[in-house]
Protein backbone atom coordinates (compact mmCIF):
# COMPACT_ATOMS: atom_id res chain seq x y z
CA MET A 1 -24.05 -13.93 -31.51
CA THR A 2 -25.16 -17.48 -30.57
CA PRO A 3 -25.34 -17.91 -26.79
CA PHE A 4 -23.24 -20.75 -25.39
CA SER A 5 -24.82 -20.89 -21.94
CA ALA A 6 -27.58 -19.58 -19.71
CA ALA A 7 -25.19 -16.82 -18.62
CA ALA A 8 -25.82 -14.87 -21.82
CA PRO A 9 -27.22 -11.41 -20.88
CA SER A 10 -30.72 -10.46 -21.96
CA PRO A 11 -31.07 -8.06 -24.90
CA ARG A 12 -32.18 -5.28 -22.55
CA ALA A 13 -29.22 -5.87 -20.22
CA ARG A 14 -26.86 -5.84 -23.18
CA THR A 15 -28.35 -2.57 -24.46
CA THR A 16 -28.00 -0.96 -21.03
CA ALA A 17 -24.38 -2.11 -20.68
CA LEU A 18 -23.51 -0.75 -24.11
CA ASP A 19 -25.22 2.54 -23.23
CA LEU A 20 -23.11 2.66 -20.05
CA GLY A 21 -20.07 2.23 -22.29
CA ASP A 22 -21.22 5.17 -24.41
CA PHE A 23 -21.74 7.23 -21.25
CA VAL A 24 -18.22 6.43 -20.02
CA THR A 25 -16.70 7.28 -23.41
CA ALA A 26 -18.43 10.68 -23.32
CA SER A 27 -17.25 11.23 -19.72
CA PRO A 28 -13.44 11.21 -19.55
CA SER A 29 -13.51 13.73 -16.67
CA SER A 30 -16.01 14.70 -13.97
CA PHE A 31 -16.86 17.83 -15.94
CA HIS A 32 -17.62 15.79 -19.05
CA ALA A 33 -19.72 13.37 -16.99
CA VAL A 34 -21.87 16.29 -15.84
CA ALA A 35 -22.11 17.66 -19.38
CA GLU A 36 -23.23 14.28 -20.74
CA ALA A 37 -25.75 13.84 -17.94
CA VAL A 38 -27.12 17.33 -18.62
CA ARG A 39 -27.43 16.51 -22.32
CA ARG A 40 -29.51 13.45 -21.49
CA LEU A 41 -31.59 15.26 -18.87
CA GLU A 42 -32.44 18.08 -21.26
CA GLN A 43 -33.34 15.55 -23.94
CA ALA A 44 -35.81 14.11 -21.39
CA GLY A 45 -37.31 17.56 -20.70
CA PHE A 46 -35.38 18.68 -17.58
CA ALA A 47 -34.66 22.40 -17.27
CA ALA A 48 -31.66 24.13 -15.69
CA LEU A 49 -31.74 26.28 -12.56
CA SER A 50 -28.98 28.71 -11.63
CA GLU A 51 -27.65 28.73 -8.08
CA SER A 52 -27.14 32.49 -8.33
CA ALA A 53 -30.80 33.20 -9.17
CA PRO A 54 -33.78 33.22 -6.76
CA TRP A 55 -36.01 30.12 -6.80
CA SER A 56 -39.79 30.24 -6.64
CA ALA A 57 -42.27 27.40 -6.29
CA GLU A 58 -42.78 27.52 -10.05
CA ASP A 59 -39.03 27.35 -10.65
CA VAL A 60 -38.52 24.15 -8.64
CA ALA A 61 -41.67 22.36 -9.85
CA GLY A 62 -41.39 19.45 -12.25
CA ASP A 63 -38.06 18.30 -13.62
CA ARG A 64 -35.03 20.48 -12.84
CA TYR A 65 -31.25 20.31 -12.46
CA VAL A 66 -28.41 22.39 -11.00
CA VAL A 67 -24.70 22.16 -11.86
CA ARG A 68 -21.78 23.11 -9.63
CA ASP A 69 -18.41 22.48 -11.32
CA GLY A 70 -18.04 18.70 -11.71
CA SER A 71 -21.18 17.95 -9.68
CA LEU A 72 -24.84 17.72 -10.60
CA ILE A 73 -28.14 17.58 -8.72
CA ALA A 74 -31.40 16.87 -10.56
CA TRP A 75 -34.90 16.14 -9.35
CA SER A 76 -38.41 15.34 -10.44
CA ALA A 77 -41.08 16.90 -8.20
CA PRO A 78 -44.46 15.20 -8.67
CA GLU A 79 -47.61 17.26 -9.20
CA GLY A 80 -48.79 18.61 -5.87
CA ALA A 81 -45.35 18.48 -4.24
CA ASP A 82 -45.17 20.84 -1.27
CA ALA A 83 -43.20 21.54 1.88
CA ALA A 84 -44.42 18.25 3.39
CA SER A 85 -43.02 16.16 0.52
CA SER A 86 -40.22 13.81 1.50
CA PHE A 87 -37.17 13.08 -0.66
CA ARG A 88 -35.84 9.88 -2.16
CA ILE A 89 -32.26 10.53 -3.26
CA VAL A 90 -29.71 8.41 -5.10
CA GLY A 91 -26.13 9.69 -4.74
CA SER A 92 -22.91 8.82 -6.53
CA HIS A 93 -19.66 10.47 -7.60
CA THR A 94 -18.39 11.65 -10.97
CA ASP A 95 -14.62 11.37 -10.46
CA SER A 96 -12.31 8.36 -10.84
CA PRO A 97 -8.65 7.69 -10.00
CA ALA A 98 -6.37 9.18 -12.63
CA LEU A 99 -3.14 10.94 -13.44
CA LYS A 100 -3.77 14.69 -13.18
CA LEU A 101 -1.78 17.36 -14.98
CA LYS A 102 0.36 19.66 -12.91
CA PRO A 103 -0.11 23.43 -13.45
CA ASP A 104 3.17 23.61 -15.39
CA PRO A 105 3.19 20.24 -17.14
CA GLN A 106 6.24 20.68 -19.38
CA LEU A 107 8.88 17.93 -19.01
CA SER A 108 11.46 16.35 -21.28
CA ALA A 109 14.14 13.66 -21.03
CA GLU A 110 16.18 11.58 -23.46
CA GLY A 111 14.83 13.52 -26.42
CA LEU A 112 11.21 12.83 -25.48
CA ALA A 113 8.57 15.35 -24.44
CA GLN A 114 6.70 14.34 -21.30
CA VAL A 115 3.74 15.59 -19.26
CA GLY A 116 4.14 16.34 -15.56
CA ILE A 117 1.40 14.65 -13.53
CA GLU A 118 0.23 14.15 -9.97
CA ILE A 119 -1.56 11.04 -8.76
CA TYR A 120 -5.31 11.69 -8.30
CA GLY A 121 -6.97 9.31 -5.85
CA GLY A 122 -5.73 5.74 -5.49
CA PRO A 123 -5.22 4.22 -8.94
CA LEU A 124 -3.57 0.87 -9.56
CA LEU A 125 -0.50 2.50 -11.06
CA ASN A 126 0.67 -0.52 -13.03
CA SER A 127 -2.63 -0.55 -14.96
CA TRP A 128 -1.81 2.87 -16.42
CA LEU A 129 1.36 1.60 -18.07
CA ASP A 130 1.53 0.92 -21.82
CA ARG A 131 -1.89 2.40 -22.56
CA GLU A 132 -2.75 5.28 -24.84
CA LEU A 133 -4.21 8.01 -22.67
CA ARG A 134 -6.58 10.89 -23.40
CA LEU A 135 -6.39 14.31 -21.78
CA ALA A 136 -9.71 15.71 -20.57
CA GLY A 137 -11.06 18.35 -18.21
CA ARG A 138 -11.68 22.07 -18.13
CA LEU A 139 -9.67 25.17 -19.00
CA ALA A 140 -10.24 28.52 -17.30
CA LEU A 141 -9.66 31.46 -19.64
CA ALA A 142 -8.52 35.02 -19.00
CA ASP A 143 -12.00 36.43 -19.70
CA GLY A 144 -13.51 34.34 -16.88
CA SER A 145 -15.08 31.71 -19.12
CA VAL A 146 -14.52 27.96 -18.85
CA VAL A 147 -14.27 25.48 -21.74
CA LEU A 148 -14.06 21.71 -21.77
CA VAL A 149 -11.25 19.91 -23.53
CA ASP A 150 -11.00 16.30 -24.64
CA THR A 151 -8.24 14.83 -26.78
CA PRO A 152 -7.75 11.46 -28.47
CA GLY A 153 -5.06 9.14 -27.17
CA LEU A 154 -1.92 11.29 -27.05
CA LEU A 155 0.05 10.00 -24.06
CA ARG A 156 1.67 6.78 -22.88
CA VAL A 157 3.60 5.71 -19.78
CA PRO A 158 6.05 3.10 -21.13
CA GLN A 159 7.11 0.30 -18.81
CA LEU A 160 10.74 -0.68 -18.50
CA ALA A 161 11.55 -3.72 -20.63
CA VAL A 162 12.08 -7.02 -18.81
CA HIS A 163 15.64 -7.14 -20.20
CA LEU A 164 16.43 -4.09 -18.04
CA ASP A 165 14.60 -5.37 -14.95
CA ARG A 166 15.21 -9.12 -14.79
CA ALA A 167 13.70 -9.45 -11.31
CA VAL A 168 10.36 -7.80 -12.11
CA ASN A 169 8.41 -11.05 -12.46
CA LYS A 170 9.92 -12.47 -9.27
CA ASP A 171 10.12 -9.48 -6.95
CA GLY A 172 7.18 -7.48 -8.30
CA LEU A 173 6.93 -4.13 -10.06
CA GLN A 174 7.97 -1.15 -7.95
CA LEU A 175 6.74 2.22 -9.26
CA ASP A 176 7.84 5.59 -7.93
CA PRO A 177 5.02 8.06 -8.75
CA GLN A 178 7.49 10.88 -9.47
CA ARG A 179 10.10 9.01 -11.49
CA HIS A 180 8.14 6.31 -13.28
CA MET A 181 4.66 7.70 -14.03
CA GLN A 182 5.35 10.75 -16.22
CA PRO A 183 3.76 10.04 -19.65
CA ILE A 184 5.45 10.77 -22.96
CA ILE A 185 3.59 12.93 -25.48
CA GLY A 186 6.03 13.40 -28.34
CA LEU A 187 9.53 14.15 -29.53
CA ALA A 188 10.77 17.23 -27.67
CA PRO A 189 9.77 19.98 -27.56
CA VAL A 190 5.95 19.85 -27.20
CA ASP A 191 3.94 22.67 -25.62
CA VAL A 192 1.28 20.78 -23.67
CA LEU A 193 -0.90 23.87 -23.19
CA GLU A 194 -0.74 24.55 -26.92
CA VAL A 195 -1.96 21.01 -27.56
CA LEU A 196 -4.85 21.48 -25.12
CA ALA A 197 -5.71 24.87 -26.61
CA GLY A 198 -5.82 23.39 -30.09
CA HIS A 199 -8.25 20.65 -29.09
CA ALA A 200 -10.41 23.12 -27.13
CA GLY A 201 -10.47 25.67 -29.95
CA VAL A 202 -9.01 28.51 -27.87
CA ASP A 203 -5.89 30.66 -27.90
CA ARG A 204 -3.13 29.16 -25.77
CA ARG A 205 -2.35 32.60 -24.33
CA GLU A 206 -5.87 32.80 -22.87
CA ILE A 207 -5.44 29.72 -20.64
CA VAL A 208 -4.89 30.80 -17.03
CA GLY A 209 -5.96 27.64 -15.17
CA LEU A 210 -6.66 23.99 -15.83
CA ASP A 211 -8.22 20.91 -14.22
CA VAL A 212 -7.17 18.16 -16.61
CA VAL A 213 -6.82 14.42 -16.04
CA THR A 214 -5.83 11.42 -18.10
CA ALA A 215 -8.29 8.74 -19.20
CA ASP A 216 -7.78 5.43 -20.98
CA ALA A 217 -8.34 5.93 -24.71
CA GLN A 218 -9.52 2.36 -25.32
CA ALA A 219 -13.25 2.14 -25.88
CA PRO A 220 -15.43 0.07 -23.52
CA ALA A 221 -16.25 -3.39 -24.87
CA LEU A 222 -18.23 -6.51 -24.08
CA PHE A 223 -16.23 -9.72 -23.77
CA GLY A 224 -16.53 -13.31 -22.57
CA ALA A 225 -17.90 -16.48 -24.17
CA ASP A 226 -21.39 -14.96 -24.18
CA GLU A 227 -20.33 -11.31 -23.93
CA GLU A 228 -21.35 -11.52 -20.29
CA PHE A 229 -18.74 -8.97 -19.15
CA LEU A 230 -18.15 -5.27 -19.76
CA ALA A 231 -14.61 -3.91 -19.69
CA SER A 232 -14.29 -0.16 -19.27
CA GLY A 233 -12.48 2.61 -17.51
CA ARG A 234 -14.19 4.60 -14.73
CA LEU A 235 -16.89 2.08 -13.86
CA ASP A 236 -16.07 3.28 -10.35
CA ASN A 237 -18.18 5.30 -10.27
CA LEU A 238 -19.77 6.23 -13.59
CA SER A 239 -21.73 2.97 -13.41
CA SER A 240 -23.68 4.52 -10.52
CA VAL A 241 -24.06 7.94 -12.18
CA HIS A 242 -25.46 6.23 -15.26
CA ALA A 243 -27.85 4.08 -13.21
CA GLU A 244 -29.26 6.96 -11.17
CA LEU A 245 -29.54 9.15 -14.26
CA LEU A 246 -31.59 6.57 -16.16
CA ALA A 247 -33.63 5.88 -13.03
CA LEU A 248 -34.52 9.54 -12.51
CA ILE A 249 -35.47 9.93 -16.17
CA ASP A 250 -37.70 6.83 -15.85
CA VAL A 251 -39.42 8.26 -12.77
CA ALA A 252 -39.89 11.66 -14.43
CA SER A 253 -41.39 10.03 -17.52
CA GLY A 254 -44.15 8.49 -15.42
CA ALA A 255 -43.44 5.07 -16.90
CA GLU A 256 -44.27 2.00 -14.83
CA PRO A 257 -46.05 3.64 -11.88
CA SER A 258 -45.04 2.32 -8.49
CA GLY A 259 -48.45 1.11 -7.41
CA THR A 260 -47.66 2.04 -3.83
CA ALA A 261 -50.02 3.97 -1.59
CA GLY A 262 -49.36 7.47 -0.28
CA PRO A 263 -47.96 10.65 -1.83
CA ALA A 264 -45.02 10.27 -4.19
CA PRO A 265 -41.71 11.67 -2.89
CA ILE A 266 -39.52 14.15 -4.70
CA ALA A 267 -37.10 11.93 -6.62
CA MET A 268 -33.55 13.30 -6.75
CA MET A 269 -30.09 12.34 -7.98
CA VAL A 270 -26.84 13.86 -6.76
CA ALA A 271 -23.51 13.20 -8.45
CA ASN A 272 -20.66 14.70 -6.41
CA ASP A 273 -17.09 15.32 -7.51
CA HIS A 274 -13.86 14.58 -5.57
CA GLU A 275 -14.93 11.42 -3.73
CA GLU A 276 -11.66 9.75 -4.65
CA VAL A 277 -9.69 12.42 -2.76
CA GLY A 278 -11.89 12.75 0.32
CA SER A 279 -14.92 14.82 -0.82
CA ALA A 280 -13.88 17.90 1.20
CA THR A 281 -14.53 20.46 -1.55
CA ARG A 282 -17.35 22.84 -2.50
CA SER A 283 -18.66 20.27 -4.98
CA GLY A 284 -17.83 17.16 -2.92
CA ALA A 285 -20.16 15.27 -0.60
CA ALA A 286 -18.50 16.80 2.47
CA GLY A 287 -19.30 20.25 1.08
CA PRO A 288 -22.62 22.13 1.14
CA PHE A 289 -23.96 21.47 -2.37
CA LEU A 290 -26.71 18.96 -1.57
CA GLU A 291 -27.74 20.78 1.60
CA ASP A 292 -27.84 24.09 -0.26
CA VAL A 293 -30.17 22.67 -2.89
CA LEU A 294 -32.43 20.91 -0.38
CA VAL A 295 -32.75 24.05 1.77
CA ARG A 296 -33.60 26.26 -1.20
CA LEU A 297 -35.96 23.76 -2.82
CA HIS A 298 -37.87 23.19 0.41
CA ALA A 299 -38.06 26.94 1.08
CA ALA A 300 -39.38 27.57 -2.44
CA LEU A 301 -42.16 25.07 -1.70
CA GLY A 302 -43.13 27.14 1.36
CA GLY A 303 -41.26 25.33 4.10
CA ASP A 304 -39.23 26.64 7.03
CA GLU A 305 -36.33 25.17 9.00
CA ALA A 306 -38.53 23.19 11.37
CA SER A 307 -40.58 21.60 8.59
CA ARG A 308 -37.40 20.90 6.60
CA ARG A 309 -35.90 18.95 9.47
CA GLN A 310 -39.14 17.03 9.79
CA VAL A 311 -39.10 16.20 6.08
CA LEU A 312 -35.45 15.11 6.10
CA SER A 313 -36.12 12.77 9.01
CA SER A 314 -38.56 10.86 6.79
CA SER A 315 -36.38 10.98 3.66
CA MET A 316 -33.82 8.44 2.46
CA VAL A 317 -30.57 8.41 0.50
CA LEU A 318 -29.21 5.54 -1.56
CA SER A 319 -25.43 6.03 -1.84
CA ALA A 320 -24.45 4.11 -4.97
CA ASP A 321 -20.75 3.33 -5.38
CA ALA A 322 -19.12 0.32 -6.99
CA GLY A 323 -17.87 -2.48 -4.71
CA HIS A 324 -15.70 -5.59 -4.82
CA ALA A 325 -16.82 -8.91 -6.23
CA ALA A 326 -15.10 -11.97 -4.78
CA HIS A 327 -11.91 -12.47 -6.82
CA PRO A 328 -11.37 -16.01 -8.16
CA ASN A 329 -7.57 -15.73 -7.92
CA TYR A 330 -7.49 -14.20 -4.44
CA PRO A 331 -10.32 -15.91 -2.49
CA GLU A 332 -8.50 -15.40 0.82
CA ARG A 333 -8.87 -11.60 0.53
CA HIS A 334 -12.64 -11.76 1.08
CA ASP A 335 -14.97 -12.58 3.94
CA PRO A 336 -15.27 -16.40 4.20
CA VAL A 337 -19.09 -16.32 4.15
CA THR A 338 -20.29 -13.13 2.41
CA ARG A 339 -18.94 -13.36 -1.13
CA PRO A 340 -20.68 -11.10 -3.67
CA ARG A 341 -20.42 -12.20 -7.28
CA LEU A 342 -20.59 -10.65 -10.71
CA GLY A 343 -23.99 -10.92 -12.37
CA GLU A 344 -26.02 -11.46 -9.19
CA GLY A 345 -27.33 -7.94 -8.75
CA PRO A 346 -26.33 -4.88 -6.70
CA MET A 347 -24.72 -5.32 -3.30
CA LEU A 348 -25.62 -3.82 0.05
CA LYS A 349 -22.38 -2.55 1.61
CA ILE A 350 -22.21 -3.01 5.38
CA ASN A 351 -19.42 -2.07 7.80
CA ALA A 352 -19.29 -2.12 11.61
CA GLN A 353 -16.96 0.92 11.66
CA GLN A 354 -19.53 2.94 9.67
CA ARG A 355 -17.28 3.31 6.66
CA TYR A 356 -20.59 2.54 4.96
CA ALA A 357 -23.79 4.11 6.28
CA THR A 358 -26.06 1.08 5.87
CA ASP A 359 -28.08 0.04 8.93
CA ALA A 360 -30.89 -2.44 9.53
CA VAL A 361 -33.61 0.06 8.54
CA GLY A 362 -31.78 0.83 5.32
CA ILE A 363 -31.30 -2.85 4.55
CA ALA A 364 -35.05 -3.39 4.80
CA ALA A 365 -35.80 -0.37 2.57
CA PHE A 366 -33.41 -1.49 -0.15
CA ALA A 367 -34.61 -5.09 0.01
CA ALA A 368 -38.17 -3.82 -0.46
CA ALA A 369 -37.13 -1.71 -3.47
CA CYS A 370 -35.37 -4.69 -5.06
CA GLU A 371 -38.41 -6.89 -4.44
CA ARG A 372 -40.69 -4.35 -6.14
CA ALA A 373 -38.30 -4.20 -9.08
CA GLY A 374 -37.85 -7.98 -9.28
CA VAL A 375 -34.09 -7.51 -8.85
CA PRO A 376 -31.78 -9.87 -6.92
CA HIS A 377 -29.37 -8.31 -4.47
CA GLN A 378 -26.46 -9.45 -2.33
CA ARG A 379 -24.33 -8.20 0.53
CA PHE A 380 -20.74 -7.12 1.08
CA VAL A 381 -18.66 -7.03 4.24
CA SER A 382 -14.89 -6.76 4.39
CA HIS A 383 -12.40 -9.36 5.53
CA ASN A 384 -11.52 -8.22 9.07
CA ALA A 385 -7.82 -7.94 8.24
CA MET A 386 -8.49 -5.76 5.19
CA PRO A 387 -10.36 -2.56 6.08
CA CYS A 388 -12.67 -1.24 3.38
CA GLY A 389 -12.74 2.18 1.79
CA SER A 390 -15.64 4.57 2.21
CA THR A 391 -18.19 6.43 0.11
CA ILE A 392 -20.29 9.58 0.08
CA GLY A 393 -22.84 7.72 2.23
CA PRO A 394 -21.46 8.43 5.72
CA LEU A 395 -20.73 12.05 4.76
CA THR A 396 -24.27 12.62 3.50
CA ALA A 397 -25.82 10.92 6.53
CA THR A 398 -23.68 13.01 8.90
CA ARG A 399 -24.48 16.32 7.19
CA LEU A 400 -28.22 15.81 6.71
CA GLY A 401 -29.38 13.16 9.18
CA MET A 402 -31.25 11.10 6.60
CA THR A 403 -31.35 7.31 6.64
CA THR A 404 -28.61 6.37 4.18
CA ILE A 405 -27.92 3.05 2.48
CA ASP A 406 -24.67 2.14 0.72
CA VAL A 407 -25.03 -0.06 -2.33
CA GLY A 408 -23.14 -0.64 -5.55
CA LEU A 409 -22.35 -2.62 -8.66
CA THR A 410 -19.91 -5.52 -8.19
CA LEU A 411 -16.56 -5.01 -9.95
CA LEU A 412 -13.27 -6.75 -10.49
CA SER A 413 -10.10 -4.70 -11.08
CA MET A 414 -11.42 -1.71 -9.12
CA HIS A 415 -9.24 1.41 -9.53
CA SER A 416 -7.55 -0.10 -12.57
CA ALA A 417 -7.43 2.03 -15.70
CA ARG A 418 -9.79 -0.62 -17.10
CA GLU A 419 -12.27 -2.26 -14.74
CA MET A 420 -14.87 -4.97 -15.38
CA CYS A 421 -18.43 -5.84 -14.39
CA ALA A 422 -21.09 -8.30 -15.52
CA THR A 423 -23.11 -7.18 -18.53
CA ALA A 424 -26.32 -7.95 -16.59
CA ASP A 425 -25.55 -5.76 -13.58
CA PRO A 426 -25.93 -2.17 -14.88
CA LEU A 427 -29.59 -2.82 -15.73
CA LEU A 428 -30.22 -4.48 -12.35
CA LEU A 429 -28.72 -1.49 -10.52
CA GLN A 430 -30.77 0.94 -12.59
CA GLN A 431 -33.98 -0.97 -11.89
CA ALA A 432 -33.25 -1.03 -8.16
CA CYS A 433 -32.55 2.72 -8.19
CA THR A 434 -35.80 3.38 -10.06
CA ALA A 435 -37.85 1.44 -7.52
CA PHE A 436 -36.09 3.20 -4.65
CA LEU A 437 -36.73 6.67 -6.12
CA ARG A 438 -40.42 5.93 -6.47
CA GLY A 439 -40.65 5.34 -2.73
């Protein structure tokens, strides 16, 4: 493609954005995101640890990972790491807003088979209309095993035609989650569990439980005059999972040494599930997963509770979660001065009510990491009349007492079935995460 302007992304930025698109396509659910991350980690030489097995110093040395349901923790311990080694952690979340299947999803009306769903998180409901949707997640079987399932586009939530709702363009679209958001899957009758079983390669009678969500079936794509934008589902927050994953692999590879003095920290990534619904689960950031791993890893290196608390006080967490770029059609919805933009690097997220965990010390640490990486960064604060959401950052800081910094990729259309970012930004976020992990 011939560039039309200086806004054209660099070849490396374009490659990273396309790789993010591949990662999203392989990750229609939190469980698939973990599976894809594990595939890439193992390709880079990381080895699995089981939570149910004892851990020795040899077990936790080098490059390791642990999986709990739809969550993942991986780390790279440098040679000579011991109980005095601090941690540099990048955290994110694997889940995204979606329509989630009910336990008994069979519905039908007007000769059409439908799928019963609940609303997961806070999606922009209208964006899920008139799209082909995949089904993806995990199935629990009668023998105690779990299998992943992923279908092509099978579902659609059809919008009411304008001829039957003449006021829609004047008064706005009003959607009742129970009446208006149940997707169609075929001409009645269709056994939804039979469909899932067929795609998972199991016997329908063996399915005793399911965690299955919908995902947009349209593939991610670059667009714009110079392909300077990426359109994709689940950029909130797979963009951060992808960035921290590539960053950790870079650190583990030993490429581009930091050049900084002092012992290298233990570099770690954590990707929690269930952030979109409050994180209060065994695999969410409000649960014990990260603390469990840190306690056991530190103990395996010969530490005790007192030394662990000392180490955590000198450790840092970068909570990476996508944030809002200033919207060109709604400029009044943003702070009048602080206006983050697409393509200008990751944003520091700051909030006086501590909905984000960033403080002055964290700002300085992230600015230093960006300077080392040669990456521009910007800031985000909310319009006072429009309170912001939150992230895993405050939860992690509260549980573990580490200095925590909230950052993220700038997005438009957040919580839509199809969000957008600048093609340049995924690489910039990854480079910032890499510099931060190196300490």
